[in-house]
Amino acid sequence: MIRLAFSAATLSLLLAGPVLAVGGGSSAPPTPTPTSDCPSGQVWNEDSGACVPIQSGALDDNALYEAVRELAYIGRLDDAALALTAMSDQQDDRVLNYRGFIARQQGDFAAARRYYDAAIAANPDNLLARSYLGMGLVERRYTAAAREQLQEILDRGGEGTWPHLALAEAIESGQTSRY
């Protein structure tokens, strides 16, 4: 019964209208845009109302970051990586975090770990990086280390956020979300 209640709470948070902002950017699934309909190598440009090449220079870093999130969420990891490359600050903790996410999704946890660690070193309050790192640890059955990341999320004010709930659910169930 407790597990069902927790899962329902997690689901209601994920489906909530407003996107939660925490260290490292938004952490709820991205709001869909026409980017998902753009051909590979392109993303939606709100200003022009059209798909544009990712590396055209038409988007600022924040727009590129939102495109990265959406592309990663829909599984277009190569395009997400291309959008990360187009961002001006390659040491931005958001860039490092999503490089880690992509590496983890592609099965390279060693590289993912290096990126997550770099993201956390750049911004210790990047709760999303801590959650994704924790999920990678759960996938490798390093539950105690995942719990340490969960505690860091809580200690940094992340109680009730998507990073907290998603990692807690992963630890409890042994299953991680694709996002």
N, C-alpha and C. Protein backbone atom coordinates (compact mmCIF):
# COMPACT_ATOMS: atom_id res chain seq x y z
N MET A 1 0.82 -1.19 0.00
CA MET A 1 0.00 0.00 0.00
C MET A 1 0.86 1.25 0.00
N ILE A 2 1.94 1.25 0.80
CA ILE A 2 2.82 2.42 0.83
C ILE A 2 3.45 2.63 -0.54
N ARG A 3 3.89 1.55 -1.18
CA ARG A 3 4.51 1.66 -2.50
C ARG A 3 3.53 2.26 -3.50
N LEU A 4 2.28 1.84 -3.46
CA LEU A 4 1.27 2.37 -4.37
C LEU A 4 1.06 3.86 -4.13
N ALA A 5 1.02 4.27 -2.87
CA ALA A 5 0.83 5.68 -2.56
C ALA A 5 2.02 6.50 -3.03
N PHE A 6 3.23 5.97 -2.85
CA PHE A 6 4.42 6.70 -3.30
C PHE A 6 4.43 6.82 -4.81
N SER A 7 4.09 5.75 -5.51
CA SER A 7 4.07 5.79 -6.96
C SER A 7 3.02 6.77 -7.45
N ALA A 8 1.88 6.83 -6.80
CA ALA A 8 0.85 7.79 -7.19
C ALA A 8 1.34 9.21 -6.96
N ALA A 9 2.06 9.44 -5.86
CA ALA A 9 2.62 10.77 -5.60
C ALA A 9 3.65 11.13 -6.67
N THR A 10 4.47 10.18 -7.03
CA THR A 10 5.46 10.42 -8.07
C THR A 10 4.78 10.77 -9.38
N LEU A 11 3.77 10.00 -9.74
CA LEU A 11 3.06 10.24 -10.99
C LEU A 11 2.38 11.60 -10.98
N SER A 12 1.75 11.95 -9.88
CA SER A 12 1.06 13.25 -9.83
C SER A 12 2.06 14.39 -9.96
N LEU A 13 3.26 14.24 -9.39
CA LEU A 13 4.27 15.28 -9.53
C LEU A 13 4.72 15.39 -10.98
N LEU A 14 4.93 14.27 -11.63
CA LEU A 14 5.39 14.27 -13.01
C LEU A 14 4.35 14.86 -13.95
N LEU A 15 3.09 14.70 -13.62
CA LEU A 15 2.03 15.19 -14.49
C LEU A 15 1.58 16.60 -14.12
N ALA A 16 2.16 17.17 -13.07
CA ALA A 16 1.76 18.50 -12.64
C ALA A 16 2.06 19.52 -13.72
N GLY A 17 1.23 20.53 -13.79
CA GLY A 17 1.39 21.56 -14.82
C GLY A 17 2.70 22.32 -14.74
N PRO A 18 3.02 22.99 -13.62
CA PRO A 18 4.23 23.78 -13.60
C PRO A 18 5.47 22.90 -13.51
N VAL A 19 6.52 23.35 -14.16
CA VAL A 19 7.79 22.63 -14.12
C VAL A 19 8.55 23.10 -12.90
N LEU A 20 9.09 22.17 -12.15
CA LEU A 20 9.86 22.52 -10.97
C LEU A 20 11.24 22.98 -11.38
N ALA A 21 11.71 24.05 -10.80
CA ALA A 21 13.07 24.50 -11.08
C ALA A 21 13.91 24.21 -9.85
N VAL A 22 15.01 23.51 -10.06
CA VAL A 22 15.94 23.21 -8.98
C VAL A 22 17.33 23.40 -9.54
N GLY A 23 18.34 23.20 -8.70
CA GLY A 23 19.70 23.33 -9.18
C GLY A 23 19.92 22.52 -10.43
N GLY A 24 20.53 23.11 -11.43
CA GLY A 24 20.79 22.40 -12.66
C GLY A 24 19.66 22.48 -13.65
N GLY A 25 18.69 23.35 -13.43
CA GLY A 25 17.63 23.53 -14.40
C GLY A 25 16.37 22.79 -14.03
N SER A 26 15.44 22.79 -14.94
CA SER A 26 14.16 22.12 -14.72
C SER A 26 14.37 20.63 -14.58
N SER A 27 13.52 20.00 -13.81
CA SER A 27 13.73 18.58 -13.58
C SER A 27 12.51 17.73 -13.88
N ALA A 28 11.38 18.32 -14.15
CA ALA A 28 10.23 17.55 -14.60
C ALA A 28 10.39 17.32 -16.10
N PRO A 29 9.71 16.32 -16.64
CA PRO A 29 9.82 16.12 -18.09
C PRO A 29 9.50 17.40 -18.84
N PRO A 30 10.18 17.63 -19.96
CA PRO A 30 9.97 18.87 -20.70
C PRO A 30 8.58 18.94 -21.33
N THR A 31 8.12 20.16 -21.49
CA THR A 31 6.86 20.38 -22.20
C THR A 31 7.12 20.14 -23.69
N PRO A 32 6.34 19.29 -24.33
CA PRO A 32 6.59 19.02 -25.75
C PRO A 32 6.46 20.28 -26.61
N THR A 33 7.33 20.38 -27.58
CA THR A 33 7.29 21.45 -28.57
C THR A 33 7.33 20.80 -29.95
N PRO A 34 7.23 21.57 -31.00
CA PRO A 34 7.36 20.98 -32.34
C PRO A 34 8.74 20.37 -32.64
N THR A 35 9.71 20.53 -31.72
CA THR A 35 11.02 19.92 -31.93
C THR A 35 10.89 18.43 -32.23
N SER A 36 9.95 17.77 -31.58
CA SER A 36 9.80 16.33 -31.80
C SER A 36 9.39 16.01 -33.23
N ASP A 37 8.85 16.98 -33.95
CA ASP A 37 8.47 16.78 -35.35
C ASP A 37 9.55 17.24 -36.33
N CYS A 38 10.59 17.89 -35.83
CA CYS A 38 11.66 18.36 -36.71
C CYS A 38 12.51 17.19 -37.17
N PRO A 39 13.09 17.29 -38.37
CA PRO A 39 13.98 16.23 -38.84
C PRO A 39 15.23 16.14 -37.96
N SER A 40 15.91 15.04 -38.05
CA SER A 40 17.15 14.86 -37.31
C SER A 40 18.11 15.99 -37.65
N GLY A 41 18.80 16.49 -36.61
CA GLY A 41 19.73 17.59 -36.81
C GLY A 41 19.10 18.96 -36.71
N GLN A 42 17.79 19.00 -36.45
CA GLN A 42 17.10 20.27 -36.35
C GLN A 42 16.24 20.32 -35.09
N VAL A 43 15.98 21.56 -34.65
CA VAL A 43 15.11 21.81 -33.51
C VAL A 43 14.19 22.97 -33.84
N TRP A 44 13.15 23.09 -33.06
CA TRP A 44 12.16 24.15 -33.27
C TRP A 44 12.71 25.48 -32.76
N ASN A 45 12.56 26.50 -33.57
CA ASN A 45 12.92 27.86 -33.19
C ASN A 45 11.62 28.64 -33.04
N GLU A 46 11.29 28.98 -31.82
CA GLU A 46 10.04 29.68 -31.53
C GLU A 46 9.97 31.02 -32.25
N ASP A 47 11.10 31.72 -32.33
CA ASP A 47 11.11 33.05 -32.96
C ASP A 47 10.75 32.99 -34.44
N SER A 48 11.30 32.00 -35.14
CA SER A 48 11.03 31.92 -36.59
C SER A 48 9.82 31.05 -36.90
N GLY A 49 9.39 30.26 -35.92
CA GLY A 49 8.25 29.38 -36.14
C GLY A 49 8.57 28.25 -37.10
N ALA A 50 9.83 27.82 -37.08
CA ALA A 50 10.25 26.77 -38.02
C ALA A 50 11.37 25.94 -37.39
N CYS A 51 11.60 24.78 -37.97
CA CYS A 51 12.73 23.96 -37.57
C CYS A 51 14.00 24.58 -38.15
N VAL A 52 15.05 24.60 -37.36
CA VAL A 52 16.33 25.15 -37.81
C VAL A 52 17.43 24.15 -37.48
N PRO A 53 18.52 24.16 -38.25
CA PRO A 53 19.65 23.30 -37.89
C PRO A 53 20.13 23.60 -36.47
N ILE A 54 20.43 22.57 -35.72
CA ILE A 54 20.83 22.73 -34.33
C ILE A 54 22.02 23.68 -34.21
N GLN A 55 22.99 23.55 -35.09
CA GLN A 55 24.20 24.35 -34.97
C GLN A 55 24.17 25.61 -35.83
N SER A 56 22.99 26.11 -36.12
CA SER A 56 22.85 27.30 -36.97
C SER A 56 23.19 28.60 -36.25
N GLY A 57 23.23 28.57 -34.92
CA GLY A 57 23.44 29.79 -34.16
C GLY A 57 22.15 30.56 -33.92
N ALA A 58 21.03 29.99 -34.32
CA ALA A 58 19.74 30.68 -34.19
C ALA A 58 19.19 30.62 -32.77
N LEU A 59 19.73 29.74 -31.93
CA LEU A 59 19.20 29.57 -30.57
C LEU A 59 20.25 29.94 -29.54
N ASP A 60 19.80 30.58 -28.45
CA ASP A 60 20.72 30.87 -27.36
C ASP A 60 20.87 29.61 -26.49
N ASP A 61 21.76 29.68 -25.51
CA ASP A 61 22.04 28.51 -24.69
C ASP A 61 20.81 27.98 -23.95
N ASN A 62 19.96 28.87 -23.46
CA ASN A 62 18.78 28.40 -22.73
C ASN A 62 17.82 27.66 -23.66
N ALA A 63 17.63 28.17 -24.87
CA ALA A 63 16.77 27.48 -25.84
C ALA A 63 17.40 26.15 -26.24
N LEU A 64 18.72 26.14 -26.42
CA LEU A 64 19.40 24.88 -26.75
C LEU A 64 19.25 23.87 -25.61
N TYR A 65 19.37 24.35 -24.37
CA TYR A 65 19.22 23.45 -23.22
C TYR A 65 17.83 22.84 -23.19
N GLU A 66 16.82 23.64 -23.41
CA GLU A 66 15.45 23.09 -23.44
C GLU A 66 15.31 22.08 -24.58
N ALA A 67 15.95 22.34 -25.71
CA ALA A 67 15.93 21.38 -26.82
C ALA A 67 16.64 20.10 -26.41
N VAL A 68 17.77 20.21 -25.72
CA VAL A 68 18.50 19.03 -25.24
C VAL A 68 17.58 18.17 -24.38
N ARG A 69 16.90 18.81 -23.44
CA ARG A 69 16.01 18.09 -22.53
C ARG A 69 14.93 17.35 -23.31
N GLU A 70 14.31 18.04 -24.25
CA GLU A 70 13.23 17.42 -25.02
C GLU A 70 13.76 16.30 -25.90
N LEU A 71 14.88 16.53 -26.56
CA LEU A 71 15.46 15.49 -27.42
C LEU A 71 15.86 14.27 -26.61
N ALA A 72 16.46 14.48 -25.44
CA ALA A 72 16.84 13.35 -24.58
C ALA A 72 15.59 12.60 -24.12
N TYR A 73 14.56 13.34 -23.77
CA TYR A 73 13.32 12.73 -23.29
C TYR A 73 12.67 11.85 -24.34
N ILE A 74 12.72 12.28 -25.62
CA ILE A 74 12.08 11.48 -26.67
C ILE A 74 13.04 10.46 -27.28
N GLY A 75 14.25 10.37 -26.73
CA GLY A 75 15.18 9.33 -27.14
C GLY A 75 16.07 9.68 -28.33
N ARG A 76 16.08 10.93 -28.73
CA ARG A 76 16.96 11.35 -29.83
C ARG A 76 18.30 11.81 -29.25
N LEU A 77 19.05 10.84 -28.76
CA LEU A 77 20.27 11.14 -28.01
C LEU A 77 21.34 11.77 -28.88
N ASP A 78 21.47 11.37 -30.14
CA ASP A 78 22.48 11.97 -31.01
C ASP A 78 22.18 13.45 -31.24
N ASP A 79 20.92 13.79 -31.45
CA ASP A 79 20.55 15.19 -31.62
C ASP A 79 20.73 15.96 -30.31
N ALA A 80 20.44 15.33 -29.19
CA ALA A 80 20.66 15.99 -27.90
C ALA A 80 22.14 16.30 -27.71
N ALA A 81 23.00 15.36 -28.08
CA ALA A 81 24.45 15.57 -27.97
C ALA A 81 24.89 16.70 -28.90
N LEU A 82 24.32 16.76 -30.07
CA LEU A 82 24.64 17.83 -31.02
C LEU A 82 24.24 19.19 -30.45
N ALA A 83 23.09 19.26 -29.83
CA ALA A 83 22.63 20.51 -29.21
C ALA A 83 23.53 20.90 -28.03
N LEU A 84 23.99 19.92 -27.27
CA LEU A 84 24.93 20.22 -26.19
C LEU A 84 26.21 20.84 -26.75
N THR A 85 26.69 20.29 -27.84
CA THR A 85 27.91 20.79 -28.47
C THR A 85 27.74 22.22 -28.94
N ALA A 86 26.52 22.60 -29.31
CA ALA A 86 26.26 23.96 -29.79
C ALA A 86 26.20 24.98 -28.65
N MET A 87 26.09 24.54 -27.41
CA MET A 87 26.03 25.47 -26.29
C MET A 87 27.40 26.11 -26.07
N SER A 88 27.41 27.36 -25.68
CA SER A 88 28.67 28.12 -25.62
C SER A 88 29.58 27.71 -24.47
N ASP A 89 29.03 27.33 -23.32
CA ASP A 89 29.84 27.00 -22.15
C ASP A 89 29.81 25.49 -21.93
N GLN A 90 30.83 24.82 -22.39
CA GLN A 90 30.88 23.37 -22.29
C GLN A 90 31.14 22.88 -20.86
N GLN A 91 31.47 23.80 -19.95
CA GLN A 91 31.67 23.44 -18.55
C GLN A 91 30.45 23.77 -17.69
N ASP A 92 29.38 24.26 -18.31
CA ASP A 92 28.13 24.52 -17.62
C ASP A 92 27.65 23.20 -17.01
N ASP A 93 27.21 23.24 -15.76
CA ASP A 93 26.80 22.00 -15.10
C ASP A 93 25.62 21.34 -15.81
N ARG A 94 24.79 22.12 -16.50
CA ARG A 94 23.68 21.52 -17.25
C ARG A 94 24.21 20.70 -18.42
N VAL A 95 25.22 21.21 -19.11
CA VAL A 95 25.84 20.50 -20.23
C VAL A 95 26.48 19.21 -19.72
N LEU A 96 27.25 19.32 -18.65
CA LEU A 96 27.93 18.15 -18.09
C LEU A 96 26.92 17.10 -17.64
N ASN A 97 25.85 17.55 -17.00
CA ASN A 97 24.82 16.62 -16.54
C ASN A 97 24.22 15.84 -17.70
N TYR A 98 23.83 16.55 -18.76
CA TYR A 98 23.20 15.84 -19.88
C TYR A 98 24.19 15.02 -20.68
N ARG A 99 25.45 15.40 -20.69
CA ARG A 99 26.45 14.51 -21.31
C ARG A 99 26.49 13.20 -20.51
N GLY A 100 26.40 13.33 -19.18
CA GLY A 100 26.35 12.14 -18.34
C GLY A 100 25.11 11.30 -18.61
N PHE A 101 23.98 11.98 -18.74
CA PHE A 101 22.72 11.28 -19.02
C PHE A 101 22.83 10.49 -20.32
N ILE A 102 23.35 11.14 -21.37
CA ILE A 102 23.47 10.48 -22.67
C ILE A 102 24.41 9.28 -22.57
N ALA A 103 25.55 9.48 -21.92
CA ALA A 103 26.50 8.37 -21.77
C ALA A 103 25.86 7.21 -21.01
N ARG A 104 25.12 7.51 -19.96
CA ARG A 104 24.46 6.44 -19.18
C ARG A 104 23.42 5.72 -20.02
N GLN A 105 22.63 6.47 -20.79
CA GLN A 105 21.62 5.84 -21.65
C GLN A 105 22.27 4.97 -22.72
N GLN A 106 23.48 5.32 -23.12
CA GLN A 106 24.19 4.54 -24.13
C GLN A 106 25.02 3.41 -23.52
N GLY A 107 24.90 3.23 -22.20
CA GLY A 107 25.55 2.11 -21.53
C GLY A 107 26.97 2.35 -21.06
N ASP A 108 27.44 3.59 -21.09
CA ASP A 108 28.81 3.90 -20.66
C ASP A 108 28.77 4.61 -19.32
N PHE A 109 28.62 3.80 -18.25
CA PHE A 109 28.50 4.41 -16.93
C PHE A 109 29.78 5.07 -16.47
N ALA A 110 30.94 4.57 -16.88
CA ALA A 110 32.20 5.19 -16.48
C ALA A 110 32.26 6.64 -16.98
N ALA A 111 31.92 6.86 -18.23
CA ALA A 111 31.89 8.22 -18.78
C ALA A 111 30.79 9.03 -18.11
N ALA A 112 29.63 8.42 -17.93
CA ALA A 112 28.52 9.12 -17.27
C ALA A 112 28.94 9.60 -15.89
N ARG A 113 29.60 8.74 -15.14
CA ARG A 113 30.04 9.08 -13.79
C ARG A 113 30.98 10.29 -13.81
N ARG A 114 31.90 10.31 -14.77
CA ARG A 114 32.83 11.45 -14.86
C ARG A 114 32.06 12.75 -15.13
N TYR A 115 31.09 12.69 -16.02
CA TYR A 115 30.29 13.89 -16.32
C TYR A 115 29.45 14.31 -15.12
N TYR A 116 28.79 13.36 -14.47
CA TYR A 116 27.97 13.71 -13.31
C TYR A 116 28.84 14.31 -12.20
N ASP A 117 30.00 13.69 -11.96
CA ASP A 117 30.89 14.23 -10.93
C ASP A 117 31.33 15.65 -11.27
N ALA A 118 31.63 15.91 -12.55
CA ALA A 118 32.03 17.25 -12.97
C ALA A 118 30.87 18.24 -12.82
N ALA A 119 29.66 17.81 -13.15
CA ALA A 119 28.48 18.67 -13.00
C ALA A 119 28.27 19.03 -11.53
N ILE A 120 28.41 18.05 -10.66
CA ILE A 120 28.23 18.28 -9.22
C ILE A 120 29.36 19.14 -8.67
N ALA A 121 30.58 18.96 -9.17
CA ALA A 121 31.69 19.81 -8.72
C ALA A 121 31.45 21.26 -9.14
N ALA A 122 30.90 21.46 -10.34
CA ALA A 122 30.61 22.81 -10.82
C ALA A 122 29.45 23.43 -10.08
N ASN A 123 28.47 22.61 -9.68
CA ASN A 123 27.29 23.10 -8.98
C ASN A 123 26.80 22.01 -8.03
N PRO A 124 27.26 22.03 -6.78
CA PRO A 124 26.86 20.99 -5.82
C PRO A 124 25.34 20.89 -5.61
N ASP A 125 24.60 21.95 -5.98
CA ASP A 125 23.15 21.94 -5.84
C ASP A 125 22.43 21.46 -7.09
N ASN A 126 23.14 20.87 -8.02
CA ASN A 126 22.50 20.32 -9.22
C ASN A 126 21.83 19.01 -8.81
N LEU A 127 20.59 19.13 -8.38
CA LEU A 127 19.86 17.97 -7.87
C LEU A 127 19.57 16.96 -8.97
N LEU A 128 19.38 17.42 -10.18
CA LEU A 128 19.10 16.51 -11.28
C LEU A 128 20.32 15.64 -11.56
N ALA A 129 21.52 16.21 -11.54
CA ALA A 129 22.74 15.42 -11.73
C ALA A 129 22.87 14.39 -10.61
N ARG A 130 22.55 14.79 -9.39
CA ARG A 130 22.62 13.84 -8.27
C ARG A 130 21.61 12.71 -8.44
N SER A 131 20.42 13.04 -8.93
CA SER A 131 19.40 12.02 -9.14
C SER A 131 19.81 11.06 -10.25
N TYR A 132 20.29 11.62 -11.39
CA TYR A 132 20.72 10.76 -12.50
C TYR A 132 21.91 9.89 -12.09
N LEU A 133 22.86 10.46 -11.33
CA LEU A 133 23.98 9.67 -10.83
C LEU A 133 23.44 8.55 -9.94
N GLY A 134 22.53 8.89 -9.06
CA GLY A 134 21.94 7.88 -8.18
C GLY A 134 21.25 6.77 -8.96
N MET A 135 20.56 7.13 -10.03
CA MET A 135 19.90 6.11 -10.85
C MET A 135 20.93 5.19 -11.50
N GLY A 136 22.03 5.76 -11.95
CA GLY A 136 23.10 4.93 -12.51
C GLY A 136 23.66 3.99 -11.46
N LEU A 137 23.77 4.46 -10.25
CA LEU A 137 24.25 3.61 -9.16
C LEU A 137 23.25 2.50 -8.85
N VAL A 138 21.96 2.82 -8.88
CA VAL A 138 20.92 1.79 -8.68
C VAL A 138 21.03 0.73 -9.76
N GLU A 139 21.21 1.17 -11.01
CA GLU A 139 21.33 0.22 -12.13
C GLU A 139 22.49 -0.75 -11.92
N ARG A 140 23.51 -0.32 -11.20
CA ARG A 140 24.67 -1.17 -10.92
C ARG A 140 24.59 -1.83 -9.55
N ARG A 141 23.47 -1.67 -8.90
CA ARG A 141 23.18 -2.25 -7.59
C ARG A 141 24.07 -1.69 -6.47
N TYR A 142 24.49 -0.43 -6.63
CA TYR A 142 25.22 0.27 -5.57
C TYR A 142 24.22 1.12 -4.79
N THR A 143 23.33 0.41 -4.10
CA THR A 143 22.21 1.07 -3.44
C THR A 143 22.66 2.02 -2.34
N ALA A 144 23.68 1.65 -1.57
CA ALA A 144 24.14 2.53 -0.50
C ALA A 144 24.65 3.85 -1.07
N ALA A 145 25.38 3.80 -2.16
CA ALA A 145 25.89 5.03 -2.79
C ALA A 145 24.73 5.85 -3.37
N ALA A 146 23.72 5.19 -3.91
CA ALA A 146 22.54 5.89 -4.41
C ALA A 146 21.82 6.59 -3.28
N ARG A 147 21.73 5.92 -2.13
CA ARG A 147 21.09 6.54 -0.96
C ARG A 147 21.86 7.79 -0.50
N GLU A 148 23.17 7.78 -0.66
CA GLU A 148 23.96 8.96 -0.31
C GLU A 148 23.56 10.15 -1.20
N GLN A 149 23.35 9.88 -2.49
CA GLN A 149 22.91 10.96 -3.38
C GLN A 149 21.50 11.42 -3.01
N LEU A 150 20.64 10.49 -2.65
CA LEU A 150 19.30 10.85 -2.22
C LEU A 150 19.36 11.75 -0.98
N GLN A 151 20.22 11.40 -0.04
CA GLN A 151 20.35 12.22 1.17
C GLN A 151 20.89 13.62 0.82
N GLU A 152 21.84 13.69 -0.12
CA GLU A 152 22.34 14.99 -0.56
C GLU A 152 21.22 15.83 -1.17
N ILE A 153 20.37 15.20 -1.95
CA ILE A 153 19.23 15.91 -2.54
C ILE A 153 18.34 16.49 -1.44
N LEU A 154 18.05 15.68 -0.44
CA LEU A 154 17.22 16.13 0.68
C LEU A 154 17.91 17.23 1.47
N ASP A 155 19.21 17.05 1.75
CA ASP A 155 19.96 18.04 2.52
C ASP A 155 20.05 19.38 1.81
N ARG A 156 19.93 19.36 0.49
CA ARG A 156 20.04 20.58 -0.30
C ARG A 156 18.67 21.17 -0.64
N GLY A 157 17.64 20.73 0.08
CA GLY A 157 16.32 21.34 -0.07
C GLY A 157 15.48 20.75 -1.18
N GLY A 158 15.81 19.55 -1.63
CA GLY A 158 15.10 18.97 -2.77
C GLY A 158 13.94 18.06 -2.42
N GLU A 159 13.50 18.06 -1.17
CA GLU A 159 12.39 17.18 -0.78
C GLU A 159 11.15 17.50 -1.62
N GLY A 160 10.55 16.46 -2.18
CA GLY A 160 9.32 16.61 -2.95
C GLY A 160 9.55 16.95 -4.41
N THR A 161 10.80 17.18 -4.82
CA THR A 161 11.09 17.49 -6.22
C THR A 161 11.18 16.20 -7.04
N TRP A 162 11.15 16.35 -8.35
CA TRP A 162 11.29 15.19 -9.22
C TRP A 162 12.59 14.44 -8.95
N PRO A 163 13.76 15.12 -8.80
CA PRO A 163 14.98 14.36 -8.51
C PRO A 163 14.86 13.51 -7.24
N HIS A 164 14.23 14.05 -6.21
CA HIS A 164 14.04 13.30 -4.97
C HIS A 164 13.13 12.10 -5.20
N LEU A 165 11.94 12.36 -5.74
CA LEU A 165 10.96 11.29 -5.88
C LEU A 165 11.40 10.22 -6.87
N ALA A 166 12.01 10.63 -7.97
CA ALA A 166 12.45 9.65 -8.98
C ALA A 166 13.55 8.76 -8.43
N LEU A 167 14.51 9.35 -7.73
CA LEU A 167 15.59 8.53 -7.17
C LEU A 167 15.08 7.65 -6.03
N ALA A 168 14.22 8.17 -5.18
CA ALA A 168 13.66 7.36 -4.10
C ALA A 168 12.90 6.16 -4.67
N GLU A 169 12.12 6.38 -5.73
CA GLU A 169 11.38 5.30 -6.37
C GLU A 169 12.34 4.28 -6.98
N ALA A 170 13.42 4.76 -7.61
CA ALA A 170 14.40 3.85 -8.21
C ALA A 170 15.06 2.99 -7.13
N ILE A 171 15.41 3.60 -6.02
CA ILE A 171 16.03 2.84 -4.92
C ILE A 171 15.04 1.81 -4.38
N GLU A 172 13.81 2.22 -4.19
CA GLU A 172 12.79 1.32 -3.64
C GLU A 172 12.49 0.15 -4.58
N SER A 173 12.37 0.46 -5.87
CA SER A 173 11.93 -0.57 -6.83
C SER A 173 13.09 -1.30 -7.51
N GLY A 174 14.26 -0.68 -7.52
CA GLY A 174 15.38 -1.24 -8.27
C GLY A 174 15.28 -0.96 -9.76
N GLN A 175 14.29 -0.17 -10.16
CA GLN A 175 14.07 0.18 -11.57
C GLN A 175 14.24 1.69 -11.74
N THR A 176 14.91 2.08 -12.82
CA THR A 176 15.06 3.51 -13.08
C THR A 176 14.17 3.94 -14.22
N SER A 177 13.87 5.23 -14.24
CA SER A 177 13.05 5.75 -15.31
C SER A 177 13.95 6.05 -16.52
N ARG A 178 13.34 6.11 -17.70
CA ARG A 178 14.15 6.43 -18.86
C ARG A 178 14.46 7.91 -18.89
N TYR A 179 13.85 8.66 -18.02
CA TYR A 179 14.10 10.09 -17.93
C TYR A 179 14.24 10.45 -16.52
